[in-house]
Amino acid sequence: MNLLLGREEVNPDSRDDCDRTPLICAARGGHEGIVKLLLDRKEVNPDSSNYDGQTPLWLAAEGGYQGIVKLLLDRKEVNPDSRDNYDQTPLIRVAGGGHEGIVKLMLDREEVHPNARDNHGQTPLTHAAKRGHDGIVKLLEGRPDAEPDTEANYLSIPSFSTSPYGSSDDDWLDH
C-alpha cells in the first residue's frame, strides 16, 4: 500500500463508480492499517461520503470496527453526527446493531445527538430497544440530553422484543 500511495499518478482520494473512496472501502471492510495510512495523507478527505451519503465513520460504526471509529472520531474534520440518505446517523446504526463499545465512544462526543430521528421517525433508543440491546438502552438513557422515547419504552418490553415483530424485524438494515 505504501508503494502504491507513493506513486505520483495515484490519487488516494479517487472515487469509483459507486462514489466510494479508498478510505470508505477500507473503513467498511475493517482494514484499520489501511485507514491509518490513508488518514496520514493530507489529500484524503476523512469525512467523504458515498452515493448513499455514508461516511467512513458511518460504515466503520455499522461494521462494529471500534478501532477505526476511534481513529475517525479523533479527526476534527469528521462529523460524528452525519446523516446518510435515509437520515440515519452512525449512532442510530450502532445502537440498532448492538455495538455497545462504539455507542460509548459516540456518546462521549457532545455533538452527537442521542435523540436524532431517521426517516421513519425512529431514534437510536428505538432501534436499541426494538432489538433487545438493554445495555445500549441504558447508555442512551444515561445521557443528560436524552429524551424519553415512548415507542422505545414500549418496544423494550421483553415479550415484544422476543416476538416475530421485535428483534427479528431487520427492515432497518435495508437502509
N, C-alpha and C. Protein backbone atom coordinates (compact mmCIF):
# COMPACT_ATOMS: atom_id res chain seq x y z
N MET A 1 0.83 -1.18 0.00
CA MET A 1 0.00 0.00 0.00
C MET A 1 0.88 1.25 0.00
N ASN A 2 1.95 1.24 0.79
CA ASN A 2 2.85 2.40 0.81
C ASN A 2 3.45 2.66 -0.57
N LEU A 3 3.80 1.59 -1.26
CA LEU A 3 4.36 1.72 -2.60
C LEU A 3 3.35 2.37 -3.54
N LEU A 4 2.12 1.92 -3.47
CA LEU A 4 1.06 2.47 -4.31
C LEU A 4 0.80 3.94 -3.97
N LEU A 5 0.72 4.24 -2.69
CA LEU A 5 0.47 5.63 -2.27
C LEU A 5 1.63 6.56 -2.60
N GLY A 6 2.81 6.00 -2.76
CA GLY A 6 3.98 6.80 -3.08
C GLY A 6 4.05 7.21 -4.55
N ARG A 7 3.24 6.65 -5.38
CA ARG A 7 3.26 6.97 -6.81
C ARG A 7 2.50 8.27 -7.07
N GLU A 8 3.11 9.14 -7.85
CA GLU A 8 2.54 10.46 -8.13
C GLU A 8 1.19 10.38 -8.85
N GLU A 9 1.04 9.40 -9.72
CA GLU A 9 -0.18 9.30 -10.51
C GLU A 9 -1.36 8.68 -9.74
N VAL A 10 -1.13 8.26 -8.52
CA VAL A 10 -2.19 7.65 -7.71
C VAL A 10 -2.85 8.71 -6.84
N ASN A 11 -4.17 8.83 -6.99
CA ASN A 11 -4.95 9.76 -6.17
C ASN A 11 -5.58 8.95 -5.04
N PRO A 12 -5.12 9.12 -3.80
CA PRO A 12 -5.64 8.33 -2.70
C PRO A 12 -7.06 8.71 -2.28
N ASP A 13 -7.62 9.72 -2.93
CA ASP A 13 -9.00 10.12 -2.62
C ASP A 13 -9.89 9.98 -3.85
N SER A 14 -9.47 9.15 -4.81
CA SER A 14 -10.26 8.95 -6.03
C SER A 14 -11.55 8.21 -5.71
N ARG A 15 -12.50 8.25 -6.63
CA ARG A 15 -13.80 7.61 -6.42
C ARG A 15 -14.07 6.58 -7.50
N ASP A 16 -14.76 5.52 -7.12
CA ASP A 16 -15.16 4.52 -8.09
C ASP A 16 -16.55 4.85 -8.62
N ASP A 17 -17.15 3.96 -9.40
CA ASP A 17 -18.45 4.23 -9.99
C ASP A 17 -19.60 4.27 -8.98
N CYS A 18 -19.38 3.85 -7.77
CA CYS A 18 -20.38 3.94 -6.69
C CYS A 18 -20.04 5.07 -5.72
N ASP A 19 -19.15 5.95 -6.15
CA ASP A 19 -18.76 7.14 -5.38
C ASP A 19 -18.03 6.80 -4.08
N ARG A 20 -17.33 5.65 -4.07
CA ARG A 20 -16.56 5.24 -2.89
C ARG A 20 -15.10 5.61 -3.07
N THR A 21 -14.51 6.08 -1.99
CA THR A 21 -13.08 6.37 -1.97
C THR A 21 -12.35 5.18 -1.34
N PRO A 22 -11.03 5.12 -1.48
CA PRO A 22 -10.29 4.06 -0.79
C PRO A 22 -10.53 4.07 0.73
N LEU A 23 -10.66 5.25 1.32
CA LEU A 23 -10.92 5.32 2.76
C LEU A 23 -12.28 4.73 3.10
N ILE A 24 -13.28 5.03 2.31
CA ILE A 24 -14.61 4.47 2.53
C ILE A 24 -14.55 2.94 2.47
N CYS A 25 -13.87 2.42 1.47
CA CYS A 25 -13.75 0.95 1.31
C CYS A 25 -12.97 0.32 2.46
N ALA A 26 -11.90 0.96 2.88
CA ALA A 26 -11.10 0.42 3.98
C ALA A 26 -11.87 0.44 5.29
N ALA A 27 -12.59 1.53 5.55
CA ALA A 27 -13.39 1.63 6.77
C ALA A 27 -14.51 0.60 6.78
N ARG A 28 -15.17 0.45 5.66
CA ARG A 28 -16.26 -0.51 5.56
C ARG A 28 -15.77 -1.95 5.72
N GLY A 29 -14.57 -2.23 5.26
CA GLY A 29 -14.02 -3.58 5.35
C GLY A 29 -13.28 -3.87 6.64
N GLY A 30 -13.13 -2.86 7.51
CA GLY A 30 -12.45 -3.08 8.78
C GLY A 30 -10.94 -3.14 8.69
N HIS A 31 -10.37 -2.53 7.66
CA HIS A 31 -8.93 -2.56 7.44
C HIS A 31 -8.26 -1.37 8.14
N GLU A 32 -8.04 -1.53 9.43
CA GLU A 32 -7.55 -0.44 10.27
C GLU A 32 -6.19 0.08 9.82
N GLY A 33 -5.28 -0.79 9.44
CA GLY A 33 -3.96 -0.36 8.99
C GLY A 33 -4.03 0.52 7.76
N ILE A 34 -4.87 0.16 6.82
CA ILE A 34 -5.04 0.96 5.61
C ILE A 34 -5.70 2.29 5.94
N VAL A 35 -6.67 2.26 6.84
CA VAL A 35 -7.31 3.51 7.27
C VAL A 35 -6.27 4.46 7.85
N LYS A 36 -5.38 3.94 8.70
CA LYS A 36 -4.31 4.78 9.27
C LYS A 36 -3.44 5.39 8.19
N LEU A 37 -3.03 4.56 7.22
CA LEU A 37 -2.20 5.07 6.13
C LEU A 37 -2.91 6.18 5.35
N LEU A 38 -4.16 5.96 5.04
CA LEU A 38 -4.90 6.95 4.26
C LEU A 38 -5.15 8.23 5.06
N LEU A 39 -5.40 8.11 6.34
CA LEU A 39 -5.63 9.30 7.17
C LEU A 39 -4.37 10.15 7.32
N ASP A 40 -3.21 9.55 7.09
CA ASP A 40 -1.96 10.30 7.14
C ASP A 40 -1.74 11.15 5.90
N ARG A 41 -2.54 10.95 4.88
CA ARG A 41 -2.41 11.70 3.63
C ARG A 41 -3.29 12.94 3.68
N LYS A 42 -2.70 14.11 3.46
CA LYS A 42 -3.46 15.37 3.56
C LYS A 42 -4.51 15.50 2.47
N GLU A 43 -4.33 14.83 1.34
CA GLU A 43 -5.30 14.94 0.25
C GLU A 43 -6.52 14.03 0.43
N VAL A 44 -6.54 13.23 1.48
CA VAL A 44 -7.68 12.33 1.74
C VAL A 44 -8.67 13.04 2.66
N ASN A 45 -9.91 13.10 2.20
CA ASN A 45 -10.99 13.69 3.00
C ASN A 45 -11.53 12.63 3.94
N PRO A 46 -11.34 12.78 5.25
CA PRO A 46 -11.79 11.75 6.19
C PRO A 46 -13.30 11.72 6.40
N ASP A 47 -14.01 12.70 5.83
CA ASP A 47 -15.45 12.78 6.02
C ASP A 47 -16.21 12.69 4.69
N SER A 48 -15.58 12.10 3.67
CA SER A 48 -16.24 11.96 2.37
C SER A 48 -17.41 10.99 2.51
N SER A 49 -18.34 11.04 1.56
CA SER A 49 -19.48 10.13 1.61
C SER A 49 -19.66 9.43 0.27
N ASN A 50 -20.30 8.28 0.31
CA ASN A 50 -20.58 7.52 -0.91
C ASN A 50 -21.94 7.94 -1.48
N TYR A 51 -22.42 7.22 -2.46
CA TYR A 51 -23.68 7.57 -3.13
C TYR A 51 -24.89 7.49 -2.20
N ASP A 52 -24.78 6.77 -1.09
CA ASP A 52 -25.86 6.69 -0.10
C ASP A 52 -25.68 7.70 1.03
N GLY A 53 -24.66 8.54 0.93
CA GLY A 53 -24.41 9.53 1.97
C GLY A 53 -23.69 8.97 3.19
N GLN A 54 -23.17 7.75 3.08
CA GLN A 54 -22.49 7.10 4.20
C GLN A 54 -21.01 7.46 4.20
N THR A 55 -20.53 7.90 5.34
CA THR A 55 -19.14 8.31 5.51
C THR A 55 -18.31 7.14 6.03
N PRO A 56 -16.98 7.29 6.02
CA PRO A 56 -16.15 6.23 6.61
C PRO A 56 -16.53 5.94 8.07
N LEU A 57 -16.84 6.98 8.85
CA LEU A 57 -17.26 6.77 10.23
C LEU A 57 -18.55 5.98 10.29
N TRP A 58 -19.52 6.36 9.49
CA TRP A 58 -20.81 5.69 9.45
C TRP A 58 -20.62 4.20 9.15
N LEU A 59 -19.80 3.88 8.14
CA LEU A 59 -19.59 2.50 7.73
C LEU A 59 -18.78 1.70 8.74
N ALA A 60 -17.77 2.31 9.33
CA ALA A 60 -16.97 1.62 10.35
C ALA A 60 -17.82 1.35 11.59
N ALA A 61 -18.65 2.32 11.96
CA ALA A 61 -19.54 2.14 13.11
C ALA A 61 -20.52 1.00 12.85
N GLU A 62 -21.14 1.00 11.68
CA GLU A 62 -22.09 -0.04 11.32
C GLU A 62 -21.43 -1.42 11.36
N GLY A 63 -20.18 -1.50 10.91
CA GLY A 63 -19.47 -2.78 10.89
C GLY A 63 -18.95 -3.22 12.24
N GLY A 64 -19.00 -2.33 13.23
CA GLY A 64 -18.52 -2.68 14.57
C GLY A 64 -17.02 -2.57 14.72
N TYR A 65 -16.37 -1.79 13.87
CA TYR A 65 -14.91 -1.65 13.89
C TYR A 65 -14.51 -0.51 14.82
N GLN A 66 -14.44 -0.82 16.10
CA GLN A 66 -14.22 0.18 17.13
C GLN A 66 -12.90 0.93 16.97
N GLY A 67 -11.84 0.25 16.60
CA GLY A 67 -10.55 0.91 16.41
C GLY A 67 -10.61 1.96 15.32
N ILE A 68 -11.28 1.64 14.23
CA ILE A 68 -11.41 2.60 13.13
C ILE A 68 -12.30 3.76 13.54
N VAL A 69 -13.37 3.46 14.25
CA VAL A 69 -14.26 4.52 14.74
C VAL A 69 -13.47 5.49 15.60
N LYS A 70 -12.64 4.97 16.49
CA LYS A 70 -11.84 5.85 17.35
C LYS A 70 -10.89 6.71 16.52
N LEU A 71 -10.22 6.11 15.55
CA LEU A 71 -9.32 6.88 14.67
C LEU A 71 -10.07 8.03 13.99
N LEU A 72 -11.24 7.75 13.48
CA LEU A 72 -12.01 8.77 12.77
C LEU A 72 -12.58 9.82 13.71
N LEU A 73 -13.02 9.41 14.90
CA LEU A 73 -13.55 10.37 15.87
C LEU A 73 -12.47 11.32 16.36
N ASP A 74 -11.22 10.89 16.29
CA ASP A 74 -10.10 11.74 16.71
C ASP A 74 -9.78 12.83 15.70
N ARG A 75 -10.39 12.77 14.52
CA ARG A 75 -10.16 13.76 13.48
C ARG A 75 -11.19 14.87 13.57
N LYS A 76 -10.73 16.12 13.67
CA LYS A 76 -11.67 17.24 13.80
C LYS A 76 -12.50 17.46 12.54
N GLU A 77 -12.03 16.96 11.39
CA GLU A 77 -12.76 17.14 10.13
C GLU A 77 -13.96 16.19 10.01
N VAL A 78 -14.05 15.21 10.89
CA VAL A 78 -15.11 14.20 10.79
C VAL A 78 -16.32 14.65 11.60
N ASN A 79 -17.47 14.65 10.95
CA ASN A 79 -18.73 14.97 11.61
C ASN A 79 -19.28 13.68 12.22
N PRO A 80 -19.28 13.54 13.54
CA PRO A 80 -19.73 12.30 14.15
C PRO A 80 -21.25 12.12 14.12
N ASP A 81 -21.97 13.13 13.67
CA ASP A 81 -23.42 13.06 13.64
C ASP A 81 -23.95 13.19 12.21
N SER A 82 -23.14 12.78 11.24
CA SER A 82 -23.54 12.88 9.83
C SER A 82 -24.74 11.98 9.56
N ARG A 83 -25.49 12.32 8.53
CA ARG A 83 -26.67 11.54 8.17
C ARG A 83 -26.51 11.00 6.75
N ASP A 84 -26.98 9.79 6.57
CA ASP A 84 -26.98 9.23 5.21
C ASP A 84 -28.25 9.67 4.50
N ASN A 85 -28.50 9.11 3.34
CA ASN A 85 -29.67 9.50 2.55
C ASN A 85 -31.00 9.07 3.18
N TYR A 86 -30.95 8.27 4.24
CA TYR A 86 -32.15 7.82 4.95
C TYR A 86 -32.24 8.47 6.33
N ASP A 87 -31.45 9.51 6.53
CA ASP A 87 -31.39 10.26 7.79
C ASP A 87 -30.87 9.44 8.96
N GLN A 88 -30.17 8.36 8.70
CA GLN A 88 -29.59 7.59 9.79
C GLN A 88 -28.19 8.11 10.10
N THR A 89 -27.94 8.30 11.39
CA THR A 89 -26.62 8.72 11.87
C THR A 89 -25.82 7.48 12.25
N PRO A 90 -24.51 7.63 12.42
CA PRO A 90 -23.74 6.48 12.90
C PRO A 90 -24.29 5.93 14.23
N LEU A 91 -24.75 6.82 15.11
CA LEU A 91 -25.28 6.36 16.40
C LEU A 91 -26.53 5.51 16.21
N ILE A 92 -27.40 5.89 15.29
CA ILE A 92 -28.59 5.09 15.03
C ILE A 92 -28.19 3.69 14.59
N ARG A 93 -27.21 3.60 13.68
CA ARG A 93 -26.78 2.29 13.18
C ARG A 93 -26.16 1.41 14.27
N VAL A 94 -25.27 2.00 15.08
CA VAL A 94 -24.61 1.16 16.09
C VAL A 94 -25.55 0.79 17.23
N ALA A 95 -26.49 1.66 17.54
CA ALA A 95 -27.46 1.34 18.59
C ALA A 95 -28.31 0.14 18.17
N GLY A 96 -28.75 0.13 16.92
CA GLY A 96 -29.53 -0.99 16.42
C GLY A 96 -28.70 -2.23 16.18
N GLY A 97 -27.42 -2.03 15.88
CA GLY A 97 -26.54 -3.15 15.60
C GLY A 97 -25.95 -3.80 16.84
N GLY A 98 -26.12 -3.17 17.99
CA GLY A 98 -25.67 -3.76 19.25
C GLY A 98 -24.20 -3.56 19.57
N HIS A 99 -23.58 -2.57 18.96
CA HIS A 99 -22.15 -2.31 19.20
C HIS A 99 -21.97 -1.34 20.38
N GLU A 100 -22.05 -1.89 21.57
CA GLU A 100 -22.08 -1.08 22.79
C GLU A 100 -20.82 -0.24 22.99
N GLY A 101 -19.65 -0.79 22.70
CA GLY A 101 -18.41 -0.02 22.86
C GLY A 101 -18.38 1.20 21.97
N ILE A 102 -18.89 1.06 20.76
CA ILE A 102 -18.92 2.20 19.84
C ILE A 102 -19.96 3.21 20.29
N VAL A 103 -21.09 2.74 20.81
CA VAL A 103 -22.09 3.67 21.35
C VAL A 103 -21.45 4.53 22.44
N LYS A 104 -20.67 3.90 23.32
CA LYS A 104 -19.99 4.66 24.38
C LYS A 104 -19.08 5.73 23.79
N LEU A 105 -18.27 5.35 22.79
CA LEU A 105 -17.39 6.32 22.14
C LEU A 105 -18.18 7.49 21.54
N MET A 106 -19.26 7.17 20.88
CA MET A 106 -20.06 8.20 20.22
C MET A 106 -20.71 9.13 21.25
N LEU A 107 -21.23 8.55 22.32
CA LEU A 107 -21.92 9.37 23.32
C LEU A 107 -20.97 10.27 24.11
N ASP A 108 -19.68 9.98 24.04
CA ASP A 108 -18.69 10.86 24.68
C ASP A 108 -18.52 12.17 23.92
N ARG A 109 -19.05 12.24 22.73
CA ARG A 109 -18.96 13.45 21.90
C ARG A 109 -20.22 14.28 22.06
N GLU A 110 -20.06 15.54 22.49
CA GLU A 110 -21.21 16.42 22.70
C GLU A 110 -22.01 16.66 21.43
N GLU A 111 -21.33 16.67 20.28
CA GLU A 111 -22.02 16.97 19.03
C GLU A 111 -22.86 15.80 18.50
N VAL A 112 -22.83 14.67 19.16
CA VAL A 112 -23.66 13.54 18.77
C VAL A 112 -25.01 13.68 19.48
N HIS A 113 -26.06 13.70 18.69
CA HIS A 113 -27.41 13.90 19.24
C HIS A 113 -28.08 12.54 19.50
N PRO A 114 -28.31 12.21 20.77
CA PRO A 114 -28.89 10.91 21.10
C PRO A 114 -30.36 10.79 20.71
N ASN A 115 -30.99 11.92 20.35
CA ASN A 115 -32.41 11.91 20.02
C ASN A 115 -32.67 12.05 18.53
N ALA A 116 -31.63 11.90 17.71
CA ALA A 116 -31.78 12.03 16.26
C ALA A 116 -32.80 11.00 15.77
N ARG A 117 -33.61 11.40 14.80
CA ARG A 117 -34.61 10.50 14.22
C ARG A 117 -34.28 10.24 12.76
N ASP A 118 -34.44 8.99 12.36
CA ASP A 118 -34.22 8.64 10.95
C ASP A 118 -35.48 8.96 10.14
N ASN A 119 -35.51 8.59 8.88
CA ASN A 119 -36.65 8.95 8.03
C ASN A 119 -37.92 8.19 8.40
N HIS A 120 -37.85 7.24 9.33
CA HIS A 120 -39.03 6.56 9.84
C HIS A 120 -39.43 7.10 11.22
N GLY A 121 -38.73 8.14 11.67
CA GLY A 121 -39.03 8.75 12.96
C GLY A 121 -38.47 7.99 14.14
N GLN A 122 -37.59 7.04 13.90
CA GLN A 122 -37.03 6.24 14.99
C GLN A 122 -35.70 6.80 15.46
N THR A 123 -35.49 6.74 16.77
CA THR A 123 -34.27 7.23 17.41
C THR A 123 -33.31 6.07 17.66
N PRO A 124 -32.07 6.39 18.06
CA PRO A 124 -31.16 5.31 18.47
C PRO A 124 -31.77 4.45 19.58
N LEU A 125 -32.48 5.09 20.51
CA LEU A 125 -33.11 4.36 21.60
C LEU A 125 -34.16 3.39 21.07
N THR A 126 -34.94 3.81 20.09
CA THR A 126 -35.94 2.93 19.49
C THR A 126 -35.27 1.71 18.88
N HIS A 127 -34.22 1.94 18.09
CA HIS A 127 -33.53 0.83 17.43
C HIS A 127 -32.92 -0.13 18.45
N ALA A 128 -32.30 0.40 19.49
CA ALA A 128 -31.68 -0.47 20.50
C ALA A 128 -32.73 -1.27 21.27
N ALA A 129 -33.80 -0.61 21.69
CA ALA A 129 -34.84 -1.30 22.46
C ALA A 129 -35.54 -2.35 21.60
N LYS A 130 -35.81 -2.03 20.37
CA LYS A 130 -36.51 -2.94 19.47
C LYS A 130 -35.73 -4.23 19.26
N ARG A 131 -34.43 -4.15 19.34
CA ARG A 131 -33.59 -5.33 19.12
C ARG A 131 -33.06 -5.95 20.42
N GLY A 132 -33.55 -5.45 21.55
CA GLY A 132 -33.19 -6.05 22.83
C GLY A 132 -31.80 -5.74 23.34
N HIS A 133 -31.22 -4.62 22.92
CA HIS A 133 -29.89 -4.23 23.36
C HIS A 133 -30.01 -3.37 24.63
N ASP A 134 -30.28 -4.04 25.76
CA ASP A 134 -30.56 -3.35 27.02
C ASP A 134 -29.40 -2.49 27.50
N GLY A 135 -28.16 -2.95 27.32
CA GLY A 135 -27.00 -2.15 27.74
C GLY A 135 -26.94 -0.83 26.99
N ILE A 136 -27.25 -0.87 25.72
CA ILE A 136 -27.24 0.35 24.91
C ILE A 136 -28.39 1.25 25.30
N VAL A 137 -29.55 0.68 25.59
CA VAL A 137 -30.69 1.47 26.06
C VAL A 137 -30.29 2.24 27.31
N LYS A 138 -29.62 1.58 28.24
CA LYS A 138 -29.19 2.24 29.49
C LYS A 138 -28.18 3.35 29.20
N LEU A 139 -27.25 3.10 28.28
CA LEU A 139 -26.28 4.13 27.92
C LEU A 139 -26.98 5.36 27.34
N LEU A 140 -27.91 5.13 26.44
CA LEU A 140 -28.62 6.23 25.80
C LEU A 140 -29.46 6.99 26.81
N GLU A 141 -30.15 6.27 27.68
CA GLU A 141 -30.98 6.92 28.71
C GLU A 141 -30.12 7.67 29.72
N GLY A 142 -28.84 7.28 29.86
CA GLY A 142 -27.95 7.94 30.82
C GLY A 142 -27.37 9.25 30.32
N ARG A 143 -27.52 9.53 29.06
CA ARG A 143 -27.02 10.80 28.52
C ARG A 143 -27.93 11.92 28.99
N PRO A 144 -27.37 13.00 29.59
CA PRO A 144 -28.20 14.06 30.19
C PRO A 144 -29.20 14.70 29.23
N ASP A 145 -28.86 14.78 27.95
CA ASP A 145 -29.78 15.42 27.00
C ASP A 145 -30.70 14.43 26.29
N ALA A 146 -30.70 13.18 26.74
CA ALA A 146 -31.58 12.18 26.14
C ALA A 146 -33.02 12.42 26.56
N GLU A 147 -33.91 12.29 25.61
CA GLU A 147 -35.33 12.44 25.89
C GLU A 147 -35.98 11.06 25.91
N PRO A 148 -36.97 10.89 26.78
CA PRO A 148 -37.66 9.59 26.79
C PRO A 148 -38.30 9.32 25.43
N ASP A 149 -38.34 8.10 25.06
CA ASP A 149 -38.89 7.69 23.77
C ASP A 149 -40.02 6.71 24.04
N THR A 150 -41.24 7.17 23.89
CA THR A 150 -42.40 6.33 24.21
C THR A 150 -42.39 5.04 23.42
N GLU A 151 -42.07 5.12 22.13
CA GLU A 151 -42.04 3.92 21.30
C GLU A 151 -40.97 2.95 21.79
N ALA A 152 -39.79 3.48 22.15
CA ALA A 152 -38.72 2.61 22.63
C ALA A 152 -39.09 1.95 23.94
N ASN A 153 -39.76 2.69 24.82
CA ASN A 153 -40.17 2.11 26.09
C ASN A 153 -41.14 0.96 25.86
N TYR A 154 -42.04 1.12 24.93
CA TYR A 154 -42.97 0.04 24.60
C TYR A 154 -42.23 -1.14 23.98
N LEU A 155 -41.32 -0.85 23.09
CA LEU A 155 -40.63 -1.92 22.37
C LEU A 155 -39.67 -2.70 23.26
N SER A 156 -39.26 -2.13 24.38
CA SER A 156 -38.30 -2.83 25.23
C SER A 156 -38.95 -3.85 26.16
N ILE A 157 -40.28 -3.95 26.12
CA ILE A 157 -40.96 -4.96 26.92
C ILE A 157 -40.49 -6.33 26.42
N PRO A 158 -39.97 -7.18 27.32
CA PRO A 158 -39.38 -8.45 26.89
C PRO A 158 -40.26 -9.27 25.96
N SER A 159 -41.56 -9.36 26.23
CA SER A 159 -42.41 -10.18 25.37
C SER A 159 -42.46 -9.64 23.96
N PHE A 160 -42.32 -8.34 23.80
CA PHE A 160 -42.32 -7.76 22.45
C PHE A 160 -40.99 -8.00 21.76
N SER A 161 -39.90 -7.77 22.47
CA SER A 161 -38.59 -7.88 21.82
C SER A 161 -38.26 -9.30 21.39
N THR A 162 -38.96 -10.30 21.93
CA THR A 162 -38.71 -11.67 21.51
C THR A 162 -39.78 -12.16 20.53
N SER A 163 -40.73 -11.32 20.19
CA SER A 163 -41.78 -11.72 19.25
C SER A 163 -41.26 -11.62 17.82
N PRO A 164 -42.00 -12.19 16.87
CA PRO A 164 -41.57 -12.10 15.47
C PRO A 164 -41.55 -10.66 14.97
N TYR A 165 -42.20 -9.75 15.67
CA TYR A 165 -42.23 -8.36 15.24
C TYR A 165 -41.22 -7.50 15.98
N GLY A 166 -40.43 -8.10 16.86
CA GLY A 166 -39.45 -7.35 17.64
C GLY A 166 -38.06 -7.48 17.07
N SER A 167 -37.19 -8.18 17.79
CA SER A 167 -35.79 -8.21 17.44
C SER A 167 -35.49 -8.87 16.10
N SER A 168 -36.40 -9.67 15.56
CA SER A 168 -36.11 -10.28 14.26
C SER A 168 -36.53 -9.40 13.11
N ASP A 169 -37.15 -8.29 13.37
CA ASP A 169 -37.58 -7.37 12.33
C ASP A 169 -36.39 -6.51 11.92
N ASP A 170 -35.72 -6.89 10.85
CA ASP A 170 -34.49 -6.20 10.46
C ASP A 170 -34.66 -5.33 9.22
N ASP A 171 -35.88 -4.80 9.03
CA ASP A 171 -36.10 -3.93 7.87
C ASP A 171 -35.16 -2.74 7.89
N TRP A 172 -34.75 -2.31 9.04
CA TRP A 172 -33.86 -1.14 9.14
C TRP A 172 -32.52 -1.40 8.49
N LEU A 173 -32.12 -2.67 8.38
CA LEU A 173 -30.83 -2.99 7.77
C LEU A 173 -30.81 -2.70 6.27
N ASP A 174 -31.99 -2.65 5.67
CA ASP A 174 -32.06 -2.40 4.23
C ASP A 174 -31.78 -0.95 3.87
N HIS A 175 -31.63 -0.10 4.85
CA HIS A 175 -31.44 1.34 4.55
C HIS A 175 -30.06 1.77 4.86
